[in-house]
Every structure is written in structure tokens, then in C-alpha cells.
Amino acid sequence: MRLLGVTICLMIVVAMGVASEGADDERASALRALNLMKPARQPKIEVGLTALDGEPFALHSLVGRVVILNFWATWCVPCRDEMPALERLAQSERDRGLVVVAVAADTKREDVLEFVNRGKFTFPIVMQPRNRASEVFGVRALPTTFVLDPSGAVVGVGFGPREWDGKAARHLVAVLARYR
């Protein structure tokens, strides 16, 4: 049953690219699905994340929810551009159990706080001392976004900015949320 759900989810992910109007839009909306012939990758859930208030942030506390895990930085223009769409998605899909978590690559907490306050972002934005989370998840460029199913398994990854507030992204969350 889980394989069927993931298969449906991945078909939706592919449709995110097909539904786009142009080649640039297609590249910007599609997510790369992970190979279904192998078990979904289960990341090392605890990677030393810290909330902006200085408290530890535990990814394992989100098991049972759909998670959009976005790696970004305040100095990354495409990252800054997609943050409002992530906020709209987080707001519109929170009742379905979605949690958006943004992992900052910045080293200065003050820069991140200023950006968050200016943008009025309400989803968790965390710091990663020594880029540990980026290392564990294999992030090589920003923005990079992982989609985690309710079991905590990574089921998709997107490189570069996306239209996170679009119909396809909302549908993806709805499908994954059924398997909570």
C-alpha cells in the first residue's frame, strides 16, 4: 500500500513539471523522484539544528507529518525569492499536517533573524552549526529542497527555486498526507 502511495506521489511530482507552461517553468517546478526500486532513504534525523531562539530543533519530532525541508541562505537571491511561496504553502496546508522547515546556510544568526522579521515568516527557520545538516543531506547548491513523507523518509528532492504555492505542490502534500 505504501509503495502505491509513493508511486502516486511521484507521478504528481512529475506532473509538476509537465503542467508548467515553458521549459524554464518546467525546470523550476519539477522535483526529482528517488528510485523506487530501493527503499526510501531515511536521513540521520538528528543533525544538530538550532531554532532561532537558540533552542535545539529536533527533526524527529516531525515524524507523522509531511515535511518540506528547504536549504537556503539570506545571500542567495533565488532562495529569498521562493521564501514567500513556501510561507503561503505552509499556511494553506498546515491543516493537512505539512511543516515547512527552512535550514539556513548563513553563519550569522542576526542576518537570518532580520530576514525572517522583515518577511514575517511563520514556519520554523533553523540554523545548522558547521553545516552539519547540509553535509548529511548532501546539499551542494542553494536552494535545495527535500520532501519527506510522514515516516520521515526522503521521497523527493528539488534543486533550485520552485513554485511551492502552486496547485501541484498542494496536491503533492495532500497525497502524502493520506499516509500519516
N, C-alpha and C. Protein backbone atom coordinates (compact mmCIF):
# COMPACT_ATOMS: atom_id res chain seq x y z
N MET A 1 0.83 -1.19 0.00
CA MET A 1 0.00 0.00 0.00
C MET A 1 0.87 1.26 0.00
N ARG A 2 1.94 1.24 0.82
CA ARG A 2 2.83 2.40 0.87
C ARG A 2 3.48 2.65 -0.48
N LEU A 3 3.89 1.56 -1.17
CA LEU A 3 4.51 1.71 -2.48
C LEU A 3 3.54 2.35 -3.45
N LEU A 4 2.26 1.98 -3.39
CA LEU A 4 1.26 2.58 -4.26
C LEU A 4 1.14 4.08 -3.98
N GLY A 5 1.11 4.44 -2.71
CA GLY A 5 1.01 5.85 -2.34
C GLY A 5 2.20 6.65 -2.82
N VAL A 6 3.38 6.09 -2.64
CA VAL A 6 4.59 6.78 -3.09
C VAL A 6 4.60 6.88 -4.61
N THR A 7 4.15 5.83 -5.29
CA THR A 7 4.09 5.87 -6.75
C THR A 7 3.16 6.98 -7.22
N ILE A 8 1.99 7.08 -6.60
CA ILE A 8 1.05 8.16 -6.94
C ILE A 8 1.69 9.51 -6.68
N CYS A 9 2.35 9.62 -5.54
CA CYS A 9 3.02 10.87 -5.18
C CYS A 9 4.06 11.25 -6.23
N LEU A 10 4.83 10.29 -6.67
CA LEU A 10 5.88 10.58 -7.63
C LEU A 10 5.31 10.94 -8.99
N MET A 11 4.16 10.36 -9.34
CA MET A 11 3.50 10.75 -10.59
C MET A 11 3.08 12.21 -10.51
N ILE A 12 2.65 12.64 -9.35
CA ILE A 12 2.27 14.03 -9.16
C ILE A 12 3.49 14.93 -9.27
N VAL A 13 4.59 14.48 -8.69
CA VAL A 13 5.83 15.24 -8.77
C VAL A 13 6.22 15.46 -10.23
N VAL A 14 6.14 14.40 -11.03
CA VAL A 14 6.46 14.53 -12.44
C VAL A 14 5.47 15.48 -13.11
N ALA A 15 4.20 15.40 -12.72
CA ALA A 15 3.19 16.28 -13.30
C ALA A 15 3.47 17.74 -12.97
N MET A 16 4.16 18.00 -11.87
CA MET A 16 4.50 19.38 -11.52
C MET A 16 5.29 20.02 -12.65
N GLY A 17 6.16 19.26 -13.26
CA GLY A 17 6.95 19.77 -14.37
C GLY A 17 6.15 19.83 -15.65
N VAL A 18 5.32 18.84 -15.91
CA VAL A 18 4.54 18.78 -17.14
C VAL A 18 3.51 19.90 -17.19
N ALA A 19 2.97 20.27 -16.04
CA ALA A 19 1.93 21.28 -16.00
C ALA A 19 2.46 22.68 -16.26
N SER A 20 3.75 22.85 -16.25
CA SER A 20 4.34 24.17 -16.45
C SER A 20 4.21 24.61 -17.90
N GLU A 21 4.21 25.93 -18.09
CA GLU A 21 4.00 26.47 -19.43
C GLU A 21 5.24 26.46 -20.29
N GLY A 22 6.41 26.70 -19.75
CA GLY A 22 7.63 26.79 -20.56
C GLY A 22 8.73 25.93 -19.99
N ALA A 23 9.83 25.82 -20.73
CA ALA A 23 10.94 24.97 -20.30
C ALA A 23 11.52 25.48 -18.98
N ASP A 24 11.66 26.81 -18.81
CA ASP A 24 12.18 27.33 -17.56
C ASP A 24 11.23 27.05 -16.41
N ASP A 25 9.92 27.19 -16.66
CA ASP A 25 8.94 26.89 -15.63
C ASP A 25 8.98 25.41 -15.27
N GLU A 26 9.16 24.56 -16.28
CA GLU A 26 9.20 23.12 -16.03
C GLU A 26 10.38 22.79 -15.14
N ARG A 27 11.54 23.34 -15.43
CA ARG A 27 12.71 23.10 -14.61
C ARG A 27 12.49 23.61 -13.20
N ALA A 28 11.80 24.72 -13.08
CA ALA A 28 11.60 25.34 -11.78
C ALA A 28 10.55 24.61 -10.95
N SER A 29 9.67 23.81 -11.54
CA SER A 29 8.63 23.16 -10.76
C SER A 29 8.87 21.69 -10.49
N ALA A 30 9.61 21.00 -11.32
CA ALA A 30 9.74 19.56 -11.18
C ALA A 30 10.65 19.19 -10.02
N LEU A 31 10.33 18.09 -9.38
CA LEU A 31 11.18 17.52 -8.35
C LEU A 31 11.75 16.22 -8.88
N ARG A 32 12.93 15.89 -8.46
CA ARG A 32 13.50 14.60 -8.84
C ARG A 32 13.01 13.55 -7.84
N ALA A 33 12.36 12.54 -8.37
CA ALA A 33 11.88 11.45 -7.52
C ALA A 33 13.03 10.51 -7.21
N LEU A 34 13.00 9.95 -6.04
CA LEU A 34 14.03 8.98 -5.69
C LEU A 34 13.66 7.63 -6.26
N ASN A 35 14.63 6.79 -6.49
CA ASN A 35 14.45 5.48 -7.10
C ASN A 35 13.57 4.60 -6.22
N LEU A 36 12.44 4.14 -6.78
CA LEU A 36 11.52 3.29 -6.03
C LEU A 36 12.00 1.85 -5.91
N MET A 37 13.00 1.47 -6.65
CA MET A 37 13.49 0.10 -6.58
C MET A 37 14.30 -0.14 -5.31
N LYS A 38 14.68 0.94 -4.66
CA LYS A 38 15.41 0.84 -3.40
C LYS A 38 14.52 1.43 -2.31
N PRO A 39 14.72 1.01 -1.07
CA PRO A 39 13.93 1.63 0.00
C PRO A 39 14.22 3.14 0.04
N ALA A 40 13.22 3.92 0.42
CA ALA A 40 13.42 5.37 0.53
C ALA A 40 14.54 5.63 1.53
N ARG A 41 15.34 6.64 1.22
CA ARG A 41 16.44 6.99 2.12
C ARG A 41 15.88 7.55 3.41
N GLN A 42 16.35 7.07 4.50
CA GLN A 42 15.98 7.61 5.80
C GLN A 42 17.18 8.40 6.29
N PRO A 43 17.09 9.73 6.30
CA PRO A 43 18.26 10.51 6.72
C PRO A 43 18.52 10.33 8.21
N LYS A 44 19.73 10.65 8.59
CA LYS A 44 20.02 10.70 10.02
C LYS A 44 19.23 11.90 10.53
N ILE A 45 18.16 11.60 11.23
CA ILE A 45 17.19 12.63 11.57
C ILE A 45 17.80 13.75 12.41
N GLU A 46 18.64 13.43 13.37
CA GLU A 46 19.18 14.50 14.21
C GLU A 46 20.52 14.98 13.68
N VAL A 47 20.53 16.23 13.27
CA VAL A 47 21.72 16.79 12.63
C VAL A 47 22.17 18.08 13.30
N GLY A 48 21.77 18.28 14.54
CA GLY A 48 22.25 19.42 15.31
C GLY A 48 21.67 20.76 14.90
N LEU A 49 20.40 20.79 14.54
CA LEU A 49 19.76 22.05 14.15
C LEU A 49 19.40 22.86 15.39
N THR A 50 19.41 24.18 15.22
CA THR A 50 19.10 25.09 16.31
C THR A 50 18.06 26.10 15.85
N ALA A 51 16.99 26.23 16.63
CA ALA A 51 15.97 27.25 16.33
C ALA A 51 16.59 28.63 16.51
N LEU A 52 15.94 29.63 15.95
CA LEU A 52 16.49 30.99 16.04
C LEU A 52 16.53 31.52 17.46
N ASP A 53 15.75 30.93 18.37
CA ASP A 53 15.80 31.35 19.77
C ASP A 53 16.92 30.65 20.54
N GLY A 54 17.71 29.82 19.83
CA GLY A 54 18.85 29.14 20.45
C GLY A 54 18.54 27.74 20.96
N GLU A 55 17.28 27.35 20.95
CA GLU A 55 16.90 26.02 21.42
C GLU A 55 17.17 24.97 20.34
N PRO A 56 17.47 23.73 20.75
CA PRO A 56 17.65 22.66 19.77
C PRO A 56 16.34 22.43 19.00
N PHE A 57 16.47 22.08 17.73
CA PHE A 57 15.30 21.78 16.90
C PHE A 57 15.43 20.34 16.44
N ALA A 58 14.47 19.50 16.82
CA ALA A 58 14.54 18.07 16.54
C ALA A 58 13.67 17.71 15.34
N LEU A 59 14.31 17.30 14.25
CA LEU A 59 13.55 16.85 13.08
C LEU A 59 12.70 15.62 13.41
N HIS A 60 13.18 14.76 14.30
CA HIS A 60 12.42 13.54 14.61
C HIS A 60 11.05 13.87 15.21
N SER A 61 10.89 15.06 15.77
CA SER A 61 9.59 15.44 16.34
C SER A 61 8.54 15.66 15.24
N LEU A 62 8.96 15.70 13.98
CA LEU A 62 8.04 15.93 12.86
C LEU A 62 7.59 14.64 12.18
N VAL A 63 8.09 13.49 12.65
CA VAL A 63 7.65 12.22 12.07
C VAL A 63 6.14 12.13 12.28
N GLY A 64 5.44 11.70 11.22
CA GLY A 64 3.98 11.67 11.24
C GLY A 64 3.39 12.83 10.45
N ARG A 65 4.26 13.73 9.99
CA ARG A 65 3.82 14.89 9.21
C ARG A 65 4.60 14.93 7.89
N VAL A 66 4.02 15.57 6.90
CA VAL A 66 4.73 15.81 5.64
C VAL A 66 5.65 17.00 5.90
N VAL A 67 6.91 16.88 5.48
CA VAL A 67 7.88 17.95 5.73
C VAL A 67 8.50 18.40 4.41
N ILE A 68 8.51 19.70 4.21
CA ILE A 68 9.28 20.33 3.13
C ILE A 68 10.51 20.91 3.83
N LEU A 69 11.67 20.36 3.55
CA LEU A 69 12.92 20.77 4.21
C LEU A 69 13.74 21.53 3.18
N ASN A 70 13.78 22.84 3.36
CA ASN A 70 14.39 23.74 2.39
C ASN A 70 15.72 24.26 2.92
N PHE A 71 16.79 24.07 2.14
CA PHE A 71 18.10 24.62 2.48
C PHE A 71 18.28 25.91 1.69
N TRP A 72 18.61 26.99 2.37
CA TRP A 72 18.62 28.32 1.77
C TRP A 72 19.65 29.20 2.48
N ALA A 73 19.78 30.44 2.00
CA ALA A 73 20.64 31.44 2.66
C ALA A 73 20.11 32.84 2.35
N THR A 74 20.35 33.77 3.24
CA THR A 74 19.89 35.15 3.03
C THR A 74 20.59 35.81 1.84
N TRP A 75 21.80 35.37 1.53
CA TRP A 75 22.57 35.96 0.43
C TRP A 75 22.24 35.33 -0.92
N CYS A 76 21.39 34.31 -0.94
CA CYS A 76 21.01 33.58 -2.15
C CYS A 76 19.71 34.18 -2.71
N VAL A 77 19.81 34.89 -3.84
CA VAL A 77 18.64 35.58 -4.41
C VAL A 77 17.51 34.61 -4.75
N PRO A 78 17.74 33.48 -5.44
CA PRO A 78 16.64 32.55 -5.70
C PRO A 78 16.01 32.01 -4.41
N CYS A 79 16.82 31.83 -3.38
CA CYS A 79 16.30 31.37 -2.09
C CYS A 79 15.34 32.40 -1.50
N ARG A 80 15.78 33.65 -1.49
CA ARG A 80 14.92 34.73 -0.96
C ARG A 80 13.64 34.84 -1.76
N ASP A 81 13.74 34.66 -3.08
CA ASP A 81 12.56 34.79 -3.94
C ASP A 81 11.52 33.71 -3.67
N GLU A 82 11.94 32.49 -3.32
CA GLU A 82 10.97 31.41 -3.12
C GLU A 82 10.41 31.35 -1.70
N MET A 83 10.98 32.08 -0.77
CA MET A 83 10.51 32.03 0.62
C MET A 83 9.04 32.44 0.78
N PRO A 84 8.55 33.49 0.12
CA PRO A 84 7.12 33.81 0.27
C PRO A 84 6.20 32.68 -0.22
N ALA A 85 6.60 31.97 -1.27
CA ALA A 85 5.79 30.83 -1.75
C ALA A 85 5.79 29.70 -0.73
N LEU A 86 6.92 29.47 -0.07
CA LEU A 86 6.98 28.47 0.99
C LEU A 86 6.07 28.86 2.15
N GLU A 87 6.04 30.14 2.47
CA GLU A 87 5.16 30.63 3.54
C GLU A 87 3.69 30.39 3.17
N ARG A 88 3.32 30.72 1.93
CA ARG A 88 1.93 30.50 1.51
C ARG A 88 1.57 29.02 1.54
N LEU A 89 2.49 28.15 1.12
CA LEU A 89 2.23 26.71 1.17
C LEU A 89 2.08 26.25 2.61
N ALA A 90 2.96 26.69 3.48
CA ALA A 90 2.90 26.31 4.90
C ALA A 90 1.56 26.72 5.51
N GLN A 91 1.10 27.92 5.18
CA GLN A 91 -0.17 28.41 5.72
C GLN A 91 -1.35 27.63 5.16
N SER A 92 -1.36 27.38 3.85
CA SER A 92 -2.51 26.75 3.23
C SER A 92 -2.62 25.26 3.53
N GLU A 93 -1.51 24.61 3.86
CA GLU A 93 -1.53 23.15 4.05
C GLU A 93 -1.24 22.70 5.47
N ARG A 94 -1.17 23.60 6.41
CA ARG A 94 -0.85 23.19 7.78
C ARG A 94 -1.91 22.26 8.36
N ASP A 95 -3.19 22.43 7.96
CA ASP A 95 -4.25 21.55 8.47
C ASP A 95 -4.11 20.12 7.95
N ARG A 96 -3.37 19.94 6.88
CA ARG A 96 -3.11 18.59 6.35
C ARG A 96 -1.87 17.98 6.99
N GLY A 97 -1.26 18.70 7.89
CA GLY A 97 -0.09 18.16 8.58
C GLY A 97 1.24 18.55 7.97
N LEU A 98 1.24 19.52 7.07
CA LEU A 98 2.50 19.95 6.46
C LEU A 98 3.29 20.84 7.42
N VAL A 99 4.59 20.61 7.44
CA VAL A 99 5.50 21.51 8.13
C VAL A 99 6.61 21.87 7.14
N VAL A 100 6.81 23.15 6.94
CA VAL A 100 7.93 23.64 6.15
C VAL A 100 9.02 24.01 7.15
N VAL A 101 10.23 23.54 6.91
CA VAL A 101 11.38 23.88 7.75
C VAL A 101 12.46 24.42 6.82
N ALA A 102 12.94 25.61 7.10
CA ALA A 102 14.00 26.22 6.30
C ALA A 102 15.30 26.17 7.10
N VAL A 103 16.31 25.56 6.50
CA VAL A 103 17.62 25.40 7.15
C VAL A 103 18.56 26.43 6.54
N ALA A 104 18.95 27.41 7.33
CA ALA A 104 19.80 28.49 6.84
C ALA A 104 21.25 28.05 6.74
N ALA A 105 21.88 28.44 5.64
CA ALA A 105 23.31 28.20 5.46
C ALA A 105 24.14 29.35 6.01
N ASP A 106 23.46 30.41 6.41
CA ASP A 106 24.15 31.59 6.96
C ASP A 106 24.89 31.24 8.25
N THR A 107 25.94 31.98 8.54
CA THR A 107 26.66 31.78 9.79
C THR A 107 26.24 32.80 10.85
N LYS A 108 25.65 33.91 10.42
CA LYS A 108 25.24 34.95 11.38
C LYS A 108 23.74 34.88 11.64
N ARG A 109 23.40 34.49 12.87
CA ARG A 109 22.00 34.40 13.28
C ARG A 109 21.27 35.73 13.10
N GLU A 110 21.95 36.84 13.31
CA GLU A 110 21.34 38.16 13.19
C GLU A 110 20.85 38.42 11.76
N ASP A 111 21.61 37.98 10.76
CA ASP A 111 21.20 38.15 9.36
C ASP A 111 19.91 37.38 9.07
N VAL A 112 19.84 36.17 9.61
CA VAL A 112 18.65 35.33 9.40
C VAL A 112 17.45 35.94 10.12
N LEU A 113 17.65 36.37 11.36
CA LEU A 113 16.55 36.99 12.12
C LEU A 113 16.01 38.23 11.42
N GLU A 114 16.90 39.06 10.91
CA GLU A 114 16.47 40.27 10.20
C GLU A 114 15.62 39.90 8.98
N PHE A 115 16.06 38.92 8.21
CA PHE A 115 15.32 38.49 7.03
C PHE A 115 13.95 37.92 7.42
N VAL A 116 13.92 37.07 8.44
CA VAL A 116 12.68 36.45 8.89
C VAL A 116 11.70 37.51 9.39
N ASN A 117 12.17 38.44 10.17
CA ASN A 117 11.30 39.50 10.69
C ASN A 117 10.76 40.39 9.58
N ARG A 118 11.60 40.71 8.62
CA ARG A 118 11.17 41.54 7.50
C ARG A 118 10.12 40.81 6.65
N GLY A 119 10.30 39.51 6.44
CA GLY A 119 9.38 38.73 5.62
C GLY A 119 8.18 38.18 6.37
N LYS A 120 8.21 38.29 7.71
CA LYS A 120 7.12 37.79 8.56
C LYS A 120 6.85 36.31 8.32
N PHE A 121 7.92 35.52 8.22
CA PHE A 121 7.78 34.09 8.01
C PHE A 121 7.42 33.41 9.32
N THR A 122 6.47 32.48 9.26
CA THR A 122 5.96 31.84 10.47
C THR A 122 6.39 30.38 10.61
N PHE A 123 6.91 29.78 9.55
CA PHE A 123 7.35 28.38 9.66
C PHE A 123 8.71 28.33 10.31
N PRO A 124 9.10 27.16 10.86
CA PRO A 124 10.39 27.06 11.53
C PRO A 124 11.57 27.34 10.59
N ILE A 125 12.41 28.23 11.02
CA ILE A 125 13.65 28.54 10.31
C ILE A 125 14.77 28.28 11.32
N VAL A 126 15.70 27.43 10.91
CA VAL A 126 16.71 26.95 11.85
C VAL A 126 18.11 27.18 11.30
N MET A 127 19.05 27.15 12.22
CA MET A 127 20.47 27.29 11.88
C MET A 127 21.10 25.89 11.95
N GLN A 128 22.22 25.74 11.22
CA GLN A 128 22.92 24.45 11.21
C GLN A 128 24.40 24.70 11.50
N PRO A 129 24.77 24.64 12.77
CA PRO A 129 26.18 24.84 13.09
C PRO A 129 27.08 23.92 12.28
N ARG A 130 28.14 24.49 11.74
CA ARG A 130 29.14 23.76 10.96
C ARG A 130 28.53 23.06 9.73
N ASN A 131 27.40 23.53 9.23
CA ASN A 131 26.74 22.97 8.04
C ASN A 131 26.53 21.47 8.12
N ARG A 132 26.31 20.97 9.30
CA ARG A 132 26.14 19.52 9.51
C ARG A 132 24.95 18.97 8.73
N ALA A 133 23.82 19.67 8.74
CA ALA A 133 22.63 19.17 8.03
C ALA A 133 22.89 19.12 6.53
N SER A 134 23.53 20.15 5.99
CA SER A 134 23.85 20.16 4.56
C SER A 134 24.73 18.98 4.19
N GLU A 135 25.66 18.66 5.06
CA GLU A 135 26.55 17.52 4.83
C GLU A 135 25.78 16.21 4.85
N VAL A 136 24.94 16.01 5.85
CA VAL A 136 24.17 14.76 5.98
C VAL A 136 23.23 14.57 4.80
N PHE A 137 22.58 15.65 4.36
CA PHE A 137 21.62 15.55 3.26
C PHE A 137 22.29 15.66 1.88
N GLY A 138 23.57 15.96 1.85
CA GLY A 138 24.29 16.03 0.58
C GLY A 138 23.95 17.27 -0.24
N VAL A 139 23.69 18.37 0.43
CA VAL A 139 23.36 19.62 -0.26
C VAL A 139 24.62 20.21 -0.87
N ARG A 140 24.55 20.52 -2.16
CA ARG A 140 25.70 21.08 -2.87
C ARG A 140 25.43 22.46 -3.44
N ALA A 141 24.15 22.85 -3.51
CA ALA A 141 23.78 24.15 -4.07
C ALA A 141 22.51 24.63 -3.36
N LEU A 142 22.27 25.93 -3.44
CA LEU A 142 21.09 26.51 -2.81
C LEU A 142 20.22 27.19 -3.86
N PRO A 143 18.91 27.16 -3.68
CA PRO A 143 18.18 26.35 -2.71
C PRO A 143 18.11 24.90 -3.14
N THR A 144 18.08 24.03 -2.15
CA THR A 144 17.80 22.61 -2.35
C THR A 144 16.70 22.24 -1.37
N THR A 145 15.70 21.53 -1.85
CA THR A 145 14.54 21.22 -1.02
C THR A 145 14.25 19.73 -1.07
N PHE A 146 14.05 19.15 0.11
CA PHE A 146 13.71 17.74 0.23
C PHE A 146 12.26 17.61 0.67
N VAL A 147 11.58 16.61 0.13
CA VAL A 147 10.22 16.29 0.54
C VAL A 147 10.31 15.01 1.36
N LEU A 148 9.83 15.07 2.61
CA LEU A 148 9.84 13.91 3.49
C LEU A 148 8.41 13.45 3.70
N ASP A 149 8.19 12.16 3.59
CA ASP A 149 6.85 11.62 3.83
C ASP A 149 6.63 11.51 5.34
N PRO A 150 5.42 11.15 5.78
CA PRO A 150 5.14 11.10 7.21
C PRO A 150 6.02 10.13 8.01
N SER A 151 6.65 9.16 7.36
CA SER A 151 7.55 8.26 8.09
C SER A 151 8.92 8.90 8.29
N GLY A 152 9.16 10.03 7.65
CA GLY A 152 10.45 10.70 7.73
C GLY A 152 11.38 10.35 6.59
N ALA A 153 10.91 9.55 5.65
CA ALA A 153 11.73 9.15 4.51
C ALA A 153 11.74 10.25 3.45
N VAL A 154 12.89 10.47 2.86
CA VAL A 154 13.02 11.43 1.77
C VAL A 154 12.46 10.79 0.51
N VAL A 155 11.41 11.40 -0.06
CA VAL A 155 10.78 10.84 -1.26
C VAL A 155 10.99 11.70 -2.50
N GLY A 156 11.57 12.87 -2.35
CA GLY A 156 11.85 13.72 -3.49
C GLY A 156 12.80 14.83 -3.12
N VAL A 157 13.43 15.38 -4.14
CA VAL A 157 14.36 16.48 -3.92
C VAL A 157 14.26 17.44 -5.10
N GLY A 158 14.33 18.72 -4.82
CA GLY A 158 14.32 19.74 -5.85
C GLY A 158 15.56 20.60 -5.74
N PHE A 159 16.21 20.82 -6.86
CA PHE A 159 17.40 21.68 -6.91
C PHE A 159 16.99 22.98 -7.58
N GLY A 160 17.22 24.09 -6.92
CA GLY A 160 16.82 25.38 -7.46
C GLY A 160 15.44 25.78 -6.96
N PRO A 161 15.01 27.00 -7.29
CA PRO A 161 13.73 27.50 -6.79
C PRO A 161 12.53 26.79 -7.41
N ARG A 162 11.42 26.80 -6.68
CA ARG A 162 10.17 26.17 -7.10
C ARG A 162 8.99 27.08 -6.83
N GLU A 163 7.88 26.77 -7.48
CA GLU A 163 6.59 27.42 -7.20
C GLU A 163 5.89 26.62 -6.12
N TRP A 164 6.30 26.80 -4.88
CA TRP A 164 5.78 25.98 -3.79
C TRP A 164 4.33 26.27 -3.46
N ASP A 165 3.81 27.39 -3.88
CA ASP A 165 2.41 27.70 -3.57
C ASP A 165 1.47 27.33 -4.70
N GLY A 166 1.95 26.62 -5.70
CA GLY A 166 1.13 26.23 -6.84
C GLY A 166 0.25 25.03 -6.56
N LYS A 167 -0.63 24.76 -7.48
CA LYS A 167 -1.60 23.66 -7.38
C LYS A 167 -0.90 22.32 -7.23
N ALA A 168 0.16 22.09 -8.00
CA ALA A 168 0.86 20.80 -7.96
C ALA A 168 1.49 20.54 -6.59
N ALA A 169 2.08 21.55 -5.99
CA ALA A 169 2.69 21.38 -4.67
C ALA A 169 1.64 21.07 -3.62
N ARG A 170 0.50 21.75 -3.68
CA ARG A 170 -0.59 21.49 -2.73
C ARG A 170 -1.12 20.07 -2.91
N HIS A 171 -1.21 19.63 -4.15
CA HIS A 171 -1.70 18.27 -4.42
C HIS A 171 -0.70 17.23 -3.91
N LEU A 172 0.57 17.48 -4.08
CA LEU A 172 1.61 16.60 -3.57
C LEU A 172 1.48 16.43 -2.06
N VAL A 173 1.29 17.53 -1.35
CA VAL A 173 1.12 17.48 0.11
C VAL A 173 -0.13 16.67 0.46
N ALA A 174 -1.22 16.88 -0.27
CA ALA A 174 -2.46 16.17 0.01
C ALA A 174 -2.27 14.66 -0.15
N VAL A 175 -1.57 14.23 -1.19
CA VAL A 175 -1.36 12.80 -1.41
C VAL A 175 -0.49 12.22 -0.30
N LEU A 176 0.61 12.87 0.02
CA LEU A 176 1.50 12.36 1.07
C LEU A 176 0.81 12.35 2.43
N ALA A 177 -0.03 13.33 2.70
CA ALA A 177 -0.71 13.43 3.99
C ALA A 177 -1.66 12.26 4.23
N ARG A 178 -2.11 11.62 3.18
CA ARG A 178 -3.02 10.47 3.35
C ARG A 178 -2.33 9.29 4.02
N TYR A 179 -1.01 9.28 4.03
CA TYR A 179 -0.26 8.14 4.56
C TYR A 179 0.33 8.45 5.93
N ARG A 180 -0.33 9.34 6.65
CA ARG A 180 0.13 9.68 8.01
C ARG A 180 -0.25 8.60 8.98
